[in-house]
Amino acid sequence: RVAFFPIVDKLVTLIHAQQDRVRARFPAGCELLFP
């Protein structure tokens, strides 16, 4: 089941930083935030 939870902007910034690290590691793309 898909669910949603409100988060603060600080956590959003940290998630975007993790996405940048994943893009650098897998330029072709990756399905997961924590590969």
PDB file of all heavy atoms in Angstrom:
ATOM      1  N   ARG A   1       0.834  -1.196   0.000  1.00  0.00           N
ATOM      2  CA  ARG A   1       0.000   0.000   0.000  1.00  0.00           C
ATOM      3  C   ARG A   1       0.870   1.248   0.000  1.00  0.00           C
ATOM      4  O   ARG A   1       1.824   1.351   0.763  1.00  0.00           O
ATOM      5  CB  ARG A   1      -0.914  -0.004   1.227  1.00  0.00           C
ATOM      6  CG  ARG A   1      -1.848   1.194   1.325  1.00  0.00           C
ATOM      7  CD  ARG A   1      -2.788   1.042   2.517  1.00  0.00           C
ATOM      8  NE  ARG A   1      -2.057   0.907   3.766  1.00  0.00           N
ATOM      9  CZ  ARG A   1      -1.650   1.950   4.498  1.00  0.00           C
ATOM     10  NH1 ARG A   1      -1.897   3.185   4.090  1.00  0.00           N
ATOM     11  NH2 ARG A   1      -1.005   1.756   5.633  1.00  0.00           N
ATOM     12  N   VAL A   2       0.532   2.223  -0.849  1.00  0.00           N
ATOM     13  CA  VAL A   2       1.269   3.474  -0.929  1.00  0.00           C
ATOM     14  C   VAL A   2       0.738   4.442   0.124  1.00  0.00           C
ATOM     15  O   VAL A   2      -0.479   4.592   0.287  1.00  0.00           O
ATOM     16  CB  VAL A   2       1.150   4.092  -2.336  1.00  0.00           C
ATOM     17  CG1 VAL A   2       1.899   5.415  -2.409  1.00  0.00           C
ATOM     18  CG2 VAL A   2       1.680   3.125  -3.380  1.00  0.00           C
ATOM     19  N   ALA A   3       1.639   5.075   0.845  1.00  0.00           N
ATOM     20  CA  ALA A   3       1.255   6.004   1.904  1.00  0.00           C
ATOM     21  C   ALA A   3       2.089   7.276   1.783  1.00  0.00           C
ATOM     22  O   ALA A   3       3.123   7.298   1.106  1.00  0.00           O
ATOM     23  CB  ALA A   3       1.439   5.368   3.280  1.00  0.00           C
ATOM     24  N   PHE A   4       1.612   8.333   2.449  1.00  0.00           N
ATOM     25  CA  PHE A   4       2.281   9.637   2.395  1.00  0.00           C
ATOM     26  C   PHE A   4       2.417  10.172   3.815  1.00  0.00           C
ATOM     27  O   PHE A   4       1.552   9.953   4.671  1.00  0.00           O
ATOM     28  CB  PHE A   4       1.473  10.627   1.544  1.00  0.00           C
ATOM     29  CG  PHE A   4       1.356  10.222   0.098  1.00  0.00           C
ATOM     30  CD1 PHE A   4       0.401   9.285  -0.294  1.00  0.00           C
ATOM     31  CD2 PHE A   4       2.180  10.759  -0.856  1.00  0.00           C
ATOM     32  CE1 PHE A   4       0.279   8.907  -1.614  1.00  0.00           C
ATOM     33  CE2 PHE A   4       2.070  10.389  -2.179  1.00  0.00           C
ATOM     34  CZ  PHE A   4       1.120   9.461  -2.561  1.00  0.00           C
ATOM     35  N   PHE A   5       3.522  10.894   4.054  1.00  0.00           N
ATOM     36  CA  PHE A   5       3.763  11.462   5.381  1.00  0.00           C
ATOM     37  C   PHE A   5       4.354  12.848   5.199  1.00  0.00           C
ATOM     38  O   PHE A   5       5.309  13.025   4.428  1.00  0.00           O
ATOM     39  CB  PHE A   5       4.718  10.583   6.181  1.00  0.00           C
ATOM     40  CG  PHE A   5       4.677  10.835   7.659  1.00  0.00           C
ATOM     41  CD1 PHE A   5       3.853  10.089   8.487  1.00  0.00           C
ATOM     42  CD2 PHE A   5       5.450  11.847   8.227  1.00  0.00           C
ATOM     43  CE1 PHE A   5       3.802  10.322   9.843  1.00  0.00           C
ATOM     44  CE2 PHE A   5       5.405  12.089   9.586  1.00  0.00           C
ATOM     45  CZ  PHE A   5       4.581  11.324  10.402  1.00  0.00           C
ATOM     46  N   PRO A   6       3.833  13.865   5.892  1.00  0.00           N
ATOM     47  CA  PRO A   6       4.391  15.215   5.758  1.00  0.00           C
ATOM     48  C   PRO A   6       5.792  15.293   6.356  1.00  0.00           C
ATOM     49  O   PRO A   6       6.073  14.701   7.408  1.00  0.00           O
ATOM     50  CB  PRO A   6       3.399  16.086   6.522  1.00  0.00           C
ATOM     51  CG  PRO A   6       2.724  15.153   7.480  1.00  0.00           C
ATOM     52  CD  PRO A   6       2.672  13.825   6.793  1.00  0.00           C
ATOM     53  N   ILE A   7       6.676  16.024   5.703  1.00  0.00           N
ATOM     54  CA  ILE A   7       8.056  16.175   6.166  1.00  0.00           C
ATOM     55  C   ILE A   7       8.438  17.644   6.120  1.00  0.00           C
ATOM     56  O   ILE A   7       7.781  18.457   5.460  1.00  0.00           O
ATOM     57  CB  ILE A   7       9.037  15.340   5.312  1.00  0.00           C
ATOM     58  CG1 ILE A   7       8.892  15.677   3.824  1.00  0.00           C
ATOM     59  CG2 ILE A   7       8.824  13.855   5.543  1.00  0.00           C
ATOM     60  CD1 ILE A   7       9.862  14.923   2.935  1.00  0.00           C
ATOM     61  N   VAL A   8       9.528  17.979   6.798  1.00  0.00           N
ATOM     62  CA  VAL A   8       9.989  19.360   6.872  1.00  0.00           C
ATOM     63  C   VAL A   8      10.966  19.629   5.729  1.00  0.00           C
ATOM     64  O   VAL A   8      11.498  18.698   5.108  1.00  0.00           O
ATOM     65  CB  VAL A   8      10.653  19.638   8.233  1.00  0.00           C
ATOM     66  CG1 VAL A   8       9.647  19.470   9.357  1.00  0.00           C
ATOM     67  CG2 VAL A   8      11.846  18.701   8.455  1.00  0.00           C
ATOM     68  N   ASP A   9      11.240  20.892   5.476  1.00  0.00           N
ATOM     69  CA  ASP A   9      12.107  21.270   4.365  1.00  0.00           C
ATOM     70  C   ASP A   9      13.541  20.791   4.567  1.00  0.00           C
ATOM     71  O   ASP A   9      14.246  20.501   3.591  1.00  0.00           O
ATOM     72  CB  ASP A   9      12.083  22.786   4.180  1.00  0.00           C
ATOM     73  CG  ASP A   9      10.740  23.286   3.679  1.00  0.00           C
ATOM     74  OD1 ASP A   9      10.034  22.486   3.030  1.00  0.00           O
ATOM     75  OD2 ASP A   9      10.390  24.454   3.932  1.00  0.00           O
ATOM     76  N   LYS A  10      13.998  20.727   5.831  1.00  0.00           N
ATOM     77  CA  LYS A  10      15.358  20.256   6.078  1.00  0.00           C
ATOM     78  C   LYS A  10      15.540  18.827   5.593  1.00  0.00           C
ATOM     79  O   LYS A  10      16.565  18.481   4.978  1.00  0.00           O
ATOM     80  CB  LYS A  10      15.679  20.356   7.563  1.00  0.00           C
ATOM     81  CG  LYS A  10      17.084  19.881   7.920  1.00  0.00           C
ATOM     82  CD  LYS A  10      17.337  19.990   9.410  1.00  0.00           C
ATOM     83  CE  LYS A  10      18.738  19.482   9.747  1.00  0.00           C
ATOM     84  NZ  LYS A  10      19.022  19.586  11.204  1.00  0.00           N
ATOM     85  N   LEU A  11      14.545  17.978   5.836  1.00  0.00           N
ATOM     86  CA  LEU A  11      14.627  16.593   5.376  1.00  0.00           C
ATOM     87  C   LEU A  11      14.558  16.524   3.858  1.00  0.00           C
ATOM     88  O   LEU A  11      15.216  15.687   3.231  1.00  0.00           O
ATOM     89  CB  LEU A  11      13.505  15.768   6.010  1.00  0.00           C
ATOM     90  CG  LEU A  11      13.598  14.244   5.858  1.00  0.00           C
ATOM     91  CD1 LEU A  11      14.908  13.736   6.441  1.00  0.00           C
ATOM     92  CD2 LEU A  11      12.424  13.562   6.541  1.00  0.00           C
ATOM     93  N   VAL A  12      13.789  17.410   3.235  1.00  0.00           N
ATOM     94  CA  VAL A  12      13.726  17.455   1.768  1.00  0.00           C
ATOM     95  C   VAL A  12      15.096  17.785   1.200  1.00  0.00           C
ATOM     96  O   VAL A  12      15.551  17.193   0.210  1.00  0.00           O
ATOM     97  CB  VAL A  12      12.672  18.481   1.310  1.00  0.00           C
ATOM     98  CG1 VAL A  12      12.714  18.643  -0.205  1.00  0.00           C
ATOM     99  CG2 VAL A  12      11.282  18.050   1.746  1.00  0.00           C
ATOM    100  N   THR A  13      15.800  18.729   1.819  1.00  0.00           N
ATOM    101  CA  THR A  13      17.137  19.098   1.348  1.00  0.00           C
ATOM    102  C   THR A  13      18.104  17.920   1.438  1.00  0.00           C
ATOM    103  O   THR A  13      18.897  17.670   0.519  1.00  0.00           O
ATOM    104  CB  THR A  13      17.663  20.271   2.178  1.00  0.00           C
ATOM    105  OG1 THR A  13      16.748  21.384   2.081  1.00  0.00           O
ATOM    106  CG2 THR A  13      19.038  20.711   1.684  1.00  0.00           C
ATOM    107  N   LEU A  14      18.039  17.174   2.529  1.00  0.00           N
ATOM    108  CA  LEU A  14      18.912  16.009   2.680  1.00  0.00           C
ATOM    109  C   LEU A  14      18.572  14.924   1.656  1.00  0.00           C
ATOM    110  O   LEU A  14      19.473  14.247   1.140  1.00  0.00           O
ATOM    111  CB  LEU A  14      18.789  15.454   4.097  1.00  0.00           C
ATOM    112  CG  LEU A  14      19.286  16.374   5.227  1.00  0.00           C
ATOM    113  CD1 LEU A  14      18.997  15.739   6.584  1.00  0.00           C
ATOM    114  CD2 LEU A  14      20.770  16.663   5.076  1.00  0.00           C
ATOM    115  N   ILE A  15      17.291  14.749   1.353  1.00  0.00           N
ATOM    116  CA  ILE A  15      16.901  13.753   0.345  1.00  0.00           C
ATOM    117  C   ILE A  15      17.400  14.167  -1.035  1.00  0.00           C
ATOM    118  O   ILE A  15      17.892  13.330  -1.816  1.00  0.00           O
ATOM    119  CB  ILE A  15      15.367  13.565   0.353  1.00  0.00           C
ATOM    120  CG1 ILE A  15      14.924  12.888   1.647  1.00  0.00           C
ATOM    121  CG2 ILE A  15      14.910  12.751  -0.854  1.00  0.00           C
ATOM    122  CD1 ILE A  15      13.423  12.755   1.796  1.00  0.00           C
ATOM    123  N   HIS A  16      17.316  15.450  -1.363  1.00  0.00           N
ATOM    124  CA  HIS A  16      17.829  15.921  -2.655  1.00  0.00           C
ATOM    125  C   HIS A  16      19.344  15.712  -2.750  1.00  0.00           C
ATOM    126  O   HIS A  16      19.866  15.384  -3.824  1.00  0.00           O
ATOM    127  CB  HIS A  16      17.477  17.397  -2.840  1.00  0.00           C
ATOM    128  CG  HIS A  16      16.030  17.622  -3.133  1.00  0.00           C
ATOM    129  ND1 HIS A  16      15.433  18.866  -3.107  1.00  0.00           N
ATOM    130  CD2 HIS A  16      15.039  16.754  -3.472  1.00  0.00           C
ATOM    131  CE1 HIS A  16      14.153  18.757  -3.414  1.00  0.00           C
ATOM    132  NE2 HIS A  16      13.887  17.476  -3.637  1.00  0.00           N
ATOM    133  N   ALA A  17      20.052  15.897  -1.649  1.00  0.00           N
ATOM    134  CA  ALA A  17      21.496  15.648  -1.656  1.00  0.00           C
ATOM    135  C   ALA A  17      21.789  14.172  -1.912  1.00  0.00           C
ATOM    136  O   ALA A  17      22.735  13.823  -2.633  1.00  0.00           O
ATOM    137  CB  ALA A  17      22.109  16.096  -0.333  1.00  0.00           C
ATOM    138  N   GLN A  18      20.995  13.277  -1.312  1.00  0.00           N
ATOM    139  CA  GLN A  18      21.164  11.849  -1.569  1.00  0.00           C
ATOM    140  C   GLN A  18      20.854  11.517  -3.020  1.00  0.00           C
ATOM    141  O   GLN A  18      21.538  10.688  -3.640  1.00  0.00           O
ATOM    142  CB  GLN A  18      20.256  11.047  -0.630  1.00  0.00           C
ATOM    143  CG  GLN A  18      20.197   9.548  -0.918  1.00  0.00           C
ATOM    144  CD  GLN A  18      21.528   8.859  -0.707  1.00  0.00           C
ATOM    145  OE1 GLN A  18      22.438   9.400  -0.082  1.00  0.00           O
ATOM    146  NE2 GLN A  18      21.654   7.650  -1.242  1.00  0.00           N
ATOM    147  N   GLN A  19      19.847  12.149  -3.611  1.00  0.00           N
ATOM    148  CA  GLN A  19      19.546  11.932  -5.022  1.00  0.00           C
ATOM    149  C   GLN A  19      20.713  12.345  -5.908  1.00  0.00           C
ATOM    150  O   GLN A  19      21.019  11.672  -6.904  1.00  0.00           O
ATOM    151  CB  GLN A  19      18.276  12.698  -5.402  1.00  0.00           C
ATOM    152  CG  GLN A  19      16.997  12.131  -4.797  1.00  0.00           C
ATOM    153  CD  GLN A  19      15.785  12.999  -5.079  1.00  0.00           C
ATOM    154  OE1 GLN A  19      15.917  14.210  -5.317  1.00  0.00           O
ATOM    155  NE2 GLN A  19      14.605  12.407  -5.032  1.00  0.00           N
ATOM    156  N   ASP A  20      21.382  13.436  -5.555  1.00  0.00           N
ATOM    157  CA  ASP A  20      22.548  13.865  -6.334  1.00  0.00           C
ATOM    158  C   ASP A  20      23.666  12.826  -6.245  1.00  0.00           C
ATOM    159  O   ASP A  20      24.351  12.554  -7.249  1.00  0.00           O
ATOM    160  CB  ASP A  20      23.046  15.220  -5.829  1.00  0.00           C
ATOM    161  CG  ASP A  20      22.059  16.346  -6.107  1.00  0.00           C
ATOM    162  OD1 ASP A  20      21.229  16.180  -7.027  1.00  0.00           O
ATOM    163  OD2 ASP A  20      22.114  17.379  -5.406  1.00  0.00           O
ATOM    164  N   ARG A  21      23.853  12.234  -5.071  1.00  0.00           N
ATOM    165  CA  ARG A  21      24.889  11.199  -4.933  1.00  0.00           C
ATOM    166  C   ARG A  21      24.549   9.964  -5.753  1.00  0.00           C
ATOM    167  O   ARG A  21      25.430   9.339  -6.356  1.00  0.00           O
ATOM    168  CB  ARG A  21      25.063  10.826  -3.455  1.00  0.00           C
ATOM    169  CG  ARG A  21      25.719  11.903  -2.608  1.00  0.00           C
ATOM    170  CD  ARG A  21      26.090  11.378  -1.224  1.00  0.00           C
ATOM    171  NE  ARG A  21      24.914  11.117  -0.414  1.00  0.00           N
ATOM    172  CZ  ARG A  21      24.367  12.003   0.416  1.00  0.00           C
ATOM    173  NH1 ARG A  21      24.896  13.217   0.523  1.00  0.00           N
ATOM    174  NH2 ARG A  21      23.314  11.687   1.138  1.00  0.00           N
ATOM    175  N   VAL A  22      23.277   9.592  -5.794  1.00  0.00           N
ATOM    176  CA  VAL A  22      22.870   8.436  -6.587  1.00  0.00           C
ATOM    177  C   VAL A  22      23.042   8.721  -8.076  1.00  0.00           C
ATOM    178  O   VAL A  22      23.483   7.858  -8.844  1.00  0.00           O
ATOM    179  CB  VAL A  22      21.412   8.051  -6.257  1.00  0.00           C
ATOM    180  CG1 VAL A  22      20.924   6.928  -7.172  1.00  0.00           C
ATOM    181  CG2 VAL A  22      21.279   7.619  -4.807  1.00  0.00           C
ATOM    182  N   ARG A  23      22.704   9.930  -8.526  1.00  0.00           N
ATOM    183  CA  ARG A  23      22.893  10.277  -9.945  1.00  0.00           C
ATOM    184  C   ARG A  23      24.361  10.223 -10.341  1.00  0.00           C
ATOM    185  O   ARG A  23      24.706   9.785 -11.444  1.00  0.00           O
ATOM    186  CB  ARG A  23      22.339  11.674 -10.214  1.00  0.00           C
ATOM    187  CG  ARG A  23      20.817  11.786 -10.160  1.00  0.00           C
ATOM    188  CD  ARG A  23      20.367  13.116 -10.723  1.00  0.00           C
ATOM    189  NE  ARG A  23      18.944  13.357 -10.512  1.00  0.00           N
ATOM    190  CZ  ARG A  23      18.462  14.079  -9.515  1.00  0.00           C
ATOM    191  NH1 ARG A  23      19.295  14.646  -8.631  1.00  0.00           N
ATOM    192  NH2 ARG A  23      17.156  14.245  -9.371  1.00  0.00           N
ATOM    193  N   ALA A  24      25.234  10.674  -9.447  1.00  0.00           N
ATOM    194  CA  ALA A  24      26.660  10.622  -9.751  1.00  0.00           C
ATOM    195  C   ALA A  24      27.158   9.182  -9.832  1.00  0.00           C
ATOM    196  O   ALA A  24      28.053   8.876 -10.622  1.00  0.00           O
ATOM    197  CB  ALA A  24      27.445  11.388  -8.686  1.00  0.00           C
ATOM    198  N   ARG A  25      26.578   8.314  -9.029  1.00  0.00           N
ATOM    199  CA  ARG A  25      26.998   6.913  -9.034  1.00  0.00           C
ATOM    200  C   ARG A  25      26.407   6.140 -10.195  1.00  0.00           C
ATOM    201  O   ARG A  25      27.067   5.274 -10.779  1.00  0.00           O
ATOM    202  CB  ARG A  25      26.573   6.284  -7.704  1.00  0.00           C
ATOM    203  CG  ARG A  25      26.956   4.833  -7.546  1.00  0.00           C
ATOM    204  CD  ARG A  25      26.554   4.341  -6.173  1.00  0.00           C
ATOM    205  NE  ARG A  25      26.630   2.896  -6.088  1.00  0.00           N
ATOM    206  CZ  ARG A  25      26.177   2.198  -5.062  1.00  0.00           C
ATOM    207  NH1 ARG A  25      25.648   2.818  -4.021  1.00  0.00           N
ATOM    208  NH2 ARG A  25      26.273   0.881  -5.055  1.00  0.00           N
ATOM    209  N   PHE A  26      25.141   6.427 -10.547  1.00  0.00           N
ATOM    210  CA  PHE A  26      24.464   5.737 -11.642  1.00  0.00           C
ATOM    211  C   PHE A  26      23.952   6.784 -12.632  1.00  0.00           C
ATOM    212  O   PHE A  26      22.790   7.207 -12.544  1.00  0.00           O
ATOM    213  CB  PHE A  26      23.292   4.892 -11.133  1.00  0.00           C
ATOM    214  CG  PHE A  26      23.680   3.834 -10.150  1.00  0.00           C
ATOM    215  CD1 PHE A  26      23.153   3.816  -8.861  1.00  0.00           C
ATOM    216  CD2 PHE A  26      24.590   2.852 -10.500  1.00  0.00           C
ATOM    217  CE1 PHE A  26      23.515   2.849  -7.956  1.00  0.00           C
ATOM    218  CE2 PHE A  26      24.963   1.873  -9.597  1.00  0.00           C
ATOM    219  CZ  PHE A  26      24.428   1.865  -8.332  1.00  0.00           C
ATOM    220  N   PRO A  27      24.795   7.243 -13.560  1.00  0.00           N
ATOM    221  CA  PRO A  27      24.340   8.264 -14.527  1.00  0.00           C
ATOM    222  C   PRO A  27      23.154   7.800 -15.355  1.00  0.00           C
ATOM    223  O   PRO A  27      22.350   8.631 -15.796  1.00  0.00           O
ATOM    224  CB  PRO A  27      25.585   8.488 -15.395  1.00  0.00           C
ATOM    225  CG  PRO A  27      26.731   8.028 -14.566  1.00  0.00           C
ATOM    226  CD  PRO A  27      26.207   6.895 -13.737  1.00  0.00           C
ATOM    227  N   ALA A  28      23.016   6.487 -15.588  1.00  0.00           N
ATOM    228  CA  ALA A  28      21.899   5.976 -16.386  1.00  0.00           C
ATOM    229  C   ALA A  28      20.603   5.906 -15.593  1.00  0.00           C
ATOM    230  O   ALA A  28      19.550   5.646 -16.163  1.00  0.00           O
ATOM    231  CB  ALA A  28      22.231   4.588 -16.947  1.00  0.00           C
ATOM    232  N   GLY A  29      20.669   6.154 -14.296  1.00  0.00           N
ATOM    233  CA  GLY A  29      19.456   6.128 -13.484  1.00  0.00           C
ATOM    234  C   GLY A  29      19.407   4.933 -12.557  1.00  0.00           C
ATOM    235  O   GLY A  29      20.040   3.911 -12.790  1.00  0.00           O
ATOM    236  N   CYS A  30      18.653   5.077 -11.466  1.00  0.00           N
ATOM    237  CA  CYS A  30      18.482   4.001 -10.489  1.00  0.00           C
ATOM    238  C   CYS A  30      17.089   4.111  -9.893  1.00  0.00           C
ATOM    239  O   CYS A  30      16.560   5.214  -9.727  1.00  0.00           O
ATOM    240  CB  CYS A  30      19.547   4.101  -9.396  1.00  0.00           C
ATOM    241  SG  CYS A  30      19.490   2.758  -8.191  1.00  0.00           S
ATOM    242  N   GLU A  31      16.482   2.984  -9.579  1.00  0.00           N
ATOM    243  CA  GLU A  31      15.124   2.973  -9.068  1.00  0.00           C
ATOM    244  C   GLU A  31      15.035   3.393  -7.606  1.00  0.00           C
ATOM    245  O   GLU A  31      14.012   3.904  -7.178  1.00  0.00           O
ATOM    246  CB  GLU A  31      14.519   1.568  -9.214  1.00  0.00           C
ATOM    247  CG  GLU A  31      14.358   1.111 -10.651  1.00  0.00           C
ATOM    248  CD  GLU A  31      13.747  -0.277 -10.720  1.00  0.00           C
ATOM    249  OE1 GLU A  31      13.522  -0.862  -9.642  1.00  0.00           O
ATOM    250  OE2 GLU A  31      13.495  -0.760 -11.821  1.00  0.00           O
ATOM    251  N   LEU A  32      16.085   3.168  -6.829  1.00  0.00           N
ATOM    252  CA  LEU A  32      16.014   3.322  -5.385  1.00  0.00           C
ATOM    253  C   LEU A  32      16.776   4.550  -4.908  1.00  0.00           C
ATOM    254  O   LEU A  32      17.780   4.953  -5.508  1.00  0.00           O
ATOM    255  CB  LEU A  32      16.560   2.082  -4.692  1.00  0.00           C
ATOM    256  CG  LEU A  32      15.855   0.761  -5.017  1.00  0.00           C
ATOM    257  CD1 LEU A  32      16.512  -0.376  -4.265  1.00  0.00           C
ATOM    258  CD2 LEU A  32      14.384   0.836  -4.680  1.00  0.00           C
ATOM    259  N   LEU A  33      16.309   5.105  -3.802  1.00  0.00           N
ATOM    260  CA  LEU A  33      17.007   6.227  -3.191  1.00  0.00           C
ATOM    261  C   LEU A  33      18.246   5.756  -2.450  1.00  0.00           C
ATOM    262  O   LEU A  33      19.233   6.489  -2.348  1.00  0.00           O
ATOM    263  CB  LEU A  33      16.057   6.957  -2.230  1.00  0.00           C
ATOM    264  CG  LEU A  33      16.611   8.199  -1.529  1.00  0.00           C
ATOM    265  CD1 LEU A  33      16.931   9.298  -2.550  1.00  0.00           C
ATOM    266  CD2 LEU A  33      15.631   8.712  -0.481  1.00  0.00           C
ATOM    267  N   PHE A  34      18.221   4.535  -1.936  1.00  0.00           N
ATOM    268  CA  PHE A  34      19.356   3.976  -1.202  1.00  0.00           C
ATOM    269  C   PHE A  34      19.784   2.673  -1.878  1.00  0.00           C
ATOM    270  O   PHE A  34      19.446   1.578  -1.402  1.00  0.00           O
ATOM    271  CB  PHE A  34      18.988   3.719   0.264  1.00  0.00           C
ATOM    272  CG  PHE A  34      18.521   4.935   1.001  1.00  0.00           C
ATOM    273  CD1 PHE A  34      17.196   5.073   1.390  1.00  0.00           C
ATOM    274  CD2 PHE A  34      19.404   5.961   1.299  1.00  0.00           C
ATOM    275  CE1 PHE A  34      16.761   6.188   2.064  1.00  0.00           C
ATOM    276  CE2 PHE A  34      18.976   7.088   1.974  1.00  0.00           C
ATOM    277  CZ  PHE A  34      17.660   7.212   2.349  1.00  0.00           C
ATOM    278  N   PRO A  35      20.505   2.746  -3.000  1.00  0.00           N
ATOM    279  CA  PRO A  35      20.920   1.510  -3.684  1.00  0.00           C
ATOM    280  C   PRO A  35      21.956   0.765  -2.872  1.00  0.00           C
ATOM    281  O   PRO A  35      22.710   1.346  -2.088  1.00  0.00           O
ATOM    282  CB  PRO A  35      21.503   2.022  -5.007  1.00  0.00           C
ATOM    283  CG  PRO A  35      21.944   3.420  -4.702  1.00  0.00           C
ATOM    284  CD  PRO A  35      20.977   3.951  -3.691  1.00  0.00           C
TER     285      PRO A  35
END
